[in-house]
Amino acid sequence: METTTPAQANPSTSTGVSSEKPFPSSDRAAASQSSSPDAKTVTASAAPAADSLLKRVAQRAHDAVDAVADRLSSTAEGVQGSLDKAGESRDEWVESAREAIRQHPFAAVGTAVLIGLALRSLSASRDR
């Protein structure tokens, strides 16, 4: 049996150095697996990041809803306050009108008759 040296196995190299890759094929497979993570590793490492992102998005959405609710609440309170003031103004106006009628009953009746005649003449002119 003859034994061959690495230089004899590969005649293109004259230095006697083998042209084999630095890793055997099984080592290359292990090296490629260790340098590129598999799906389970990627999923396991992405889960905390996704969970954190989801929590931040949910918190921001919650904050936005709270801000809108606060604005609507303050707007509703403002509208309610305006309605209360209008109601108070109406009540004051009615009371003022009643007091004026009590003080000057004939002038109030005369004013009511004149307003009635004016409305009748406007209504009659529309019917023509």
C-alpha atoms as a PDB file:
ATOM      1  CA  MET A   1       0.000   0.000   0.000  1.00  0.00           C
ATOM      2  CA  GLU A   2       1.146   3.404  -0.883  1.00  0.00           C
ATOM      3  CA  THR A   3       0.594   6.430   1.248  1.00  0.00           C
ATOM      4  CA  THR A   4       0.256   9.813  -0.280  1.00  0.00           C
ATOM      5  CA  THR A   5       1.183  13.074   1.250  1.00  0.00           C
ATOM      6  CA  PRO A   6      -1.043  16.099   1.018  1.00  0.00           C
ATOM      7  CA  ALA A   7       1.282  17.568  -1.617  1.00  0.00           C
ATOM      8  CA  GLN A   8       0.892  14.425  -3.718  1.00  0.00           C
ATOM      9  CA  ALA A   9      -2.914  14.439  -3.313  1.00  0.00           C
ATOM     10  CA  ASN A  10      -3.113  17.915  -4.752  1.00  0.00           C
ATOM     11  CA  PRO A  11      -0.519  18.398  -7.451  1.00  0.00           C
ATOM     12  CA  SER A  12      -1.454  22.067  -8.015  1.00  0.00           C
ATOM     13  CA  THR A  13       0.166  23.051  -4.745  1.00  0.00           C
ATOM     14  CA  SER A  14       3.883  22.960  -4.710  1.00  0.00           C
ATOM     15  CA  THR A  15       4.293  24.012  -1.096  1.00  0.00           C
ATOM     16  CA  GLY A  16       2.926  20.860   0.333  1.00  0.00           C
ATOM     17  CA  VAL A  17       0.037  22.689   2.039  1.00  0.00           C
ATOM     18  CA  SER A  18      -3.322  21.063   1.683  1.00  0.00           C
ATOM     19  CA  SER A  19      -6.030  22.976  -0.158  1.00  0.00           C
ATOM     20  CA  GLU A  20      -8.705  21.708   2.204  1.00  0.00           C
ATOM     21  CA  LYS A  21     -10.989  24.244   3.822  1.00  0.00           C
ATOM     22  CA  PRO A  22     -10.069  25.196   7.385  1.00  0.00           C
ATOM     23  CA  PHE A  23     -13.252  23.464   8.707  1.00  0.00           C
ATOM     24  CA  PRO A  24     -14.348  19.965   7.836  1.00  0.00           C
ATOM     25  CA  SER A  25     -17.844  19.757   6.359  1.00  0.00           C
ATOM     26  CA  SER A  26     -19.475  18.861   9.670  1.00  0.00           C
ATOM     27  CA  ASP A  27     -17.688  21.759  11.383  1.00  0.00           C
ATOM     28  CA  ARG A  28     -18.808  24.136   8.631  1.00  0.00           C
ATOM     29  CA  ALA A  29     -22.445  23.159   9.188  1.00  0.00           C
ATOM     30  CA  ALA A  30     -22.101  23.733  12.925  1.00  0.00           C
ATOM     31  CA  ALA A  31     -20.366  27.073  12.328  1.00  0.00           C
ATOM     32  CA  SER A  32     -23.069  28.235   9.921  1.00  0.00           C
ATOM     33  CA  GLN A  33     -25.787  27.253  12.398  1.00  0.00           C
ATOM     34  CA  SER A  34     -24.095  29.097  15.218  1.00  0.00           C
ATOM     35  CA  SER A  35     -23.601  32.251  13.130  1.00  0.00           C
ATOM     36  CA  SER A  36     -27.223  32.365  11.882  1.00  0.00           C
ATOM     37  CA  PRO A  37     -29.793  31.739  14.602  1.00  0.00           C
ATOM     38  CA  ASP A  38     -32.635  29.377  13.919  1.00  0.00           C
ATOM     39  CA  ALA A  39     -36.313  30.364  13.997  1.00  0.00           C
ATOM     40  CA  LYS A  40     -36.819  29.324  17.614  1.00  0.00           C
ATOM     41  CA  THR A  41     -33.975  31.520  18.788  1.00  0.00           C
ATOM     42  CA  VAL A  42     -35.219  34.473  16.755  1.00  0.00           C
ATOM     43  CA  THR A  43     -38.761  34.010  18.057  1.00  0.00           C
ATOM     44  CA  ALA A  44     -37.598  33.686  21.632  1.00  0.00           C
ATOM     45  CA  SER A  45     -35.505  36.840  21.408  1.00  0.00           C
ATOM     46  CA  ALA A  46     -38.211  38.813  19.541  1.00  0.00           C
ATOM     47  CA  ALA A  47     -40.996  37.964  21.994  1.00  0.00           C
ATOM     48  CA  PRO A  48     -39.855  40.343  24.769  1.00  0.00           C
ATOM     49  CA  ALA A  49     -39.329  43.148  22.253  1.00  0.00           C
ATOM     50  CA  ALA A  50     -42.772  42.606  20.740  1.00  0.00           C
ATOM     51  CA  ASP A  51     -44.323  42.455  24.195  1.00  0.00           C
ATOM     52  CA  SER A  52     -42.630  45.708  25.167  1.00  0.00           C
ATOM     53  CA  LEU A  53     -43.763  47.371  21.931  1.00  0.00           C
ATOM     54  CA  LEU A  54     -47.324  46.184  22.457  1.00  0.00           C
ATOM     55  CA  LYS A  55     -47.361  47.537  26.010  1.00  0.00           C
ATOM     56  CA  ARG A  56     -46.071  50.932  24.839  1.00  0.00           C
ATOM     57  CA  VAL A  57     -48.662  51.137  22.057  1.00  0.00           C
ATOM     58  CA  ALA A  58     -51.458  50.161  24.459  1.00  0.00           C
ATOM     59  CA  GLN A  59     -50.314  52.765  26.987  1.00  0.00           C
ATOM     60  CA  ARG A  60     -50.189  55.496  24.351  1.00  0.00           C
ATOM     61  CA  ALA A  61     -53.664  54.548  23.114  1.00  0.00           C
ATOM     62  CA  HIS A  62     -54.937  54.624  26.693  1.00  0.00           C
ATOM     63  CA  ASP A  63     -53.375  58.057  27.231  1.00  0.00           C
ATOM     64  CA  ALA A  64     -54.958  59.352  24.011  1.00  0.00           C
ATOM     65  CA  VAL A  65     -58.397  58.074  25.043  1.00  0.00           C
ATOM     66  CA  ASP A  66     -58.000  59.709  28.455  1.00  0.00           C
ATOM     67  CA  ALA A  67     -57.032  63.019  26.843  1.00  0.00           C
ATOM     68  CA  VAL A  68     -60.060  62.933  24.529  1.00  0.00           C
ATOM     69  CA  ALA A  69     -62.347  62.041  27.441  1.00  0.00           C
ATOM     70  CA  ASP A  70     -60.982  64.956  29.469  1.00  0.00           C
ATOM     71  CA  ARG A  71     -61.529  67.365  26.581  1.00  0.00           C
ATOM     72  CA  LEU A  72     -65.078  66.119  26.019  1.00  0.00           C
ATOM     73  CA  SER A  73     -65.817  66.357  29.712  1.00  0.00           C
ATOM     74  CA  SER A  74     -64.588  69.945  29.933  1.00  0.00           C
ATOM     75  CA  THR A  75     -66.506  70.848  26.763  1.00  0.00           C
ATOM     76  CA  ALA A  76     -69.686  69.269  28.142  1.00  0.00           C
ATOM     77  CA  GLU A  77     -69.236  71.169  31.402  1.00  0.00           C
ATOM     78  CA  GLY A  78     -68.784  74.403  29.445  1.00  0.00           C
ATOM     79  CA  VAL A  79     -71.928  73.786  27.405  1.00  0.00           C
ATOM     80  CA  GLN A  80     -73.865  72.899  30.544  1.00  0.00           C
ATOM     81  CA  GLY A  81     -72.652  76.097  32.193  1.00  0.00           C
ATOM     82  CA  SER A  82     -73.747  78.130  29.165  1.00  0.00           C
ATOM     83  CA  LEU A  83     -77.171  76.483  29.211  1.00  0.00           C
ATOM     84  CA  ASP A  84     -77.506  77.192  32.925  1.00  0.00           C
ATOM     85  CA  LYS A  85     -76.595  80.857  32.341  1.00  0.00           C
ATOM     86  CA  ALA A  86     -79.067  81.070  29.450  1.00  0.00           C
ATOM     87  CA  GLY A  87     -81.765  79.538  31.640  1.00  0.00           C
ATOM     88  CA  GLU A  88     -80.988  81.981  34.410  1.00  0.00           C
ATOM     89  CA  SER A  89     -81.020  84.860  31.920  1.00  0.00           C
ATOM     90  CA  ARG A  90     -84.375  83.672  30.559  1.00  0.00           C
ATOM     91  CA  ASP A  91     -85.781  83.434  34.075  1.00  0.00           C
ATOM     92  CA  GLU A  92     -84.498  86.928  34.881  1.00  0.00           C
ATOM     93  CA  TRP A  93     -85.962  88.313  31.653  1.00  0.00           C
ATOM     94  CA  VAL A  94     -89.372  86.728  32.324  1.00  0.00           C
ATOM     95  CA  GLU A  95     -89.387  88.055  35.872  1.00  0.00           C
ATOM     96  CA  SER A  96     -88.397  91.505  34.598  1.00  0.00           C
ATOM     97  CA  ALA A  97     -91.217  91.440  32.022  1.00  0.00           C
ATOM     98  CA  ARG A  98     -93.758  90.420  34.683  1.00  0.00           C
ATOM     99  CA  GLU A  99     -92.622  93.260  36.927  1.00  0.00           C
ATOM    100  CA  ALA A 100     -92.942  95.774  34.042  1.00  0.00           C
ATOM    101  CA  ILE A 101     -96.471  94.508  33.270  1.00  0.00           C
ATOM    102  CA  ARG A 102     -97.467  94.858  36.942  1.00  0.00           C
ATOM    103  CA  GLN A 103     -96.162  98.425  37.055  1.00  0.00           C
ATOM    104  CA  HIS A 104     -97.705  99.510  33.688  1.00  0.00           C
ATOM    105  CA  PRO A 105    -100.667  97.244  32.853  1.00  0.00           C
ATOM    106  CA  PHE A 106    -102.291  99.584  30.262  1.00  0.00           C
ATOM    107  CA  ALA A 107     -99.042 100.085  28.367  1.00  0.00           C
ATOM    108  CA  ALA A 108     -98.517  96.311  28.308  1.00  0.00           C
ATOM    109  CA  VAL A 109    -102.015  95.700  26.877  1.00  0.00           C
ATOM    110  CA  GLY A 110    -101.533  98.478  24.300  1.00  0.00           C
ATOM    111  CA  THR A 111     -98.140  97.045  23.276  1.00  0.00           C
ATOM    112  CA  ALA A 112     -99.646  93.557  22.929  1.00  0.00           C
ATOM    113  CA  VAL A 113    -102.475  94.938  20.717  1.00  0.00           C
ATOM    114  CA  LEU A 114     -99.995  96.774  18.469  1.00  0.00           C
ATOM    115  CA  ILE A 115     -97.792  93.670  18.127  1.00  0.00           C
ATOM    116  CA  GLY A 116    -100.877  91.593  17.267  1.00  0.00           C
ATOM    117  CA  LEU A 117    -101.981  94.069  14.570  1.00  0.00           C
ATOM    118  CA  ALA A 118     -98.484  94.152  13.066  1.00  0.00           C
ATOM    119  CA  LEU A 119     -98.342  90.352  12.887  1.00  0.00           C
ATOM    120  CA  ARG A 120    -101.844  90.213  11.319  1.00  0.00           C
ATOM    121  CA  SER A 121    -100.897  92.697   8.624  1.00  0.00           C
ATOM    122  CA  LEU A 122     -97.669  90.787   7.837  1.00  0.00           C
ATOM    123  CA  SER A 123     -99.626  87.521   7.638  1.00  0.00           C
ATOM    124  CA  ALA A 124    -102.284  89.081   5.391  1.00  0.00           C
ATOM    125  CA  SER A 125     -99.678  90.456   2.982  1.00  0.00           C
ATOM    126  CA  ARG A 126     -98.184  86.983   2.558  1.00  0.00           C
ATOM    127  CA  ASP A 127    -101.534  85.413   1.745  1.00  0.00           C
ATOM    128  CA  ARG A 128    -102.094  87.722  -1.256  1.00  0.00           C
END
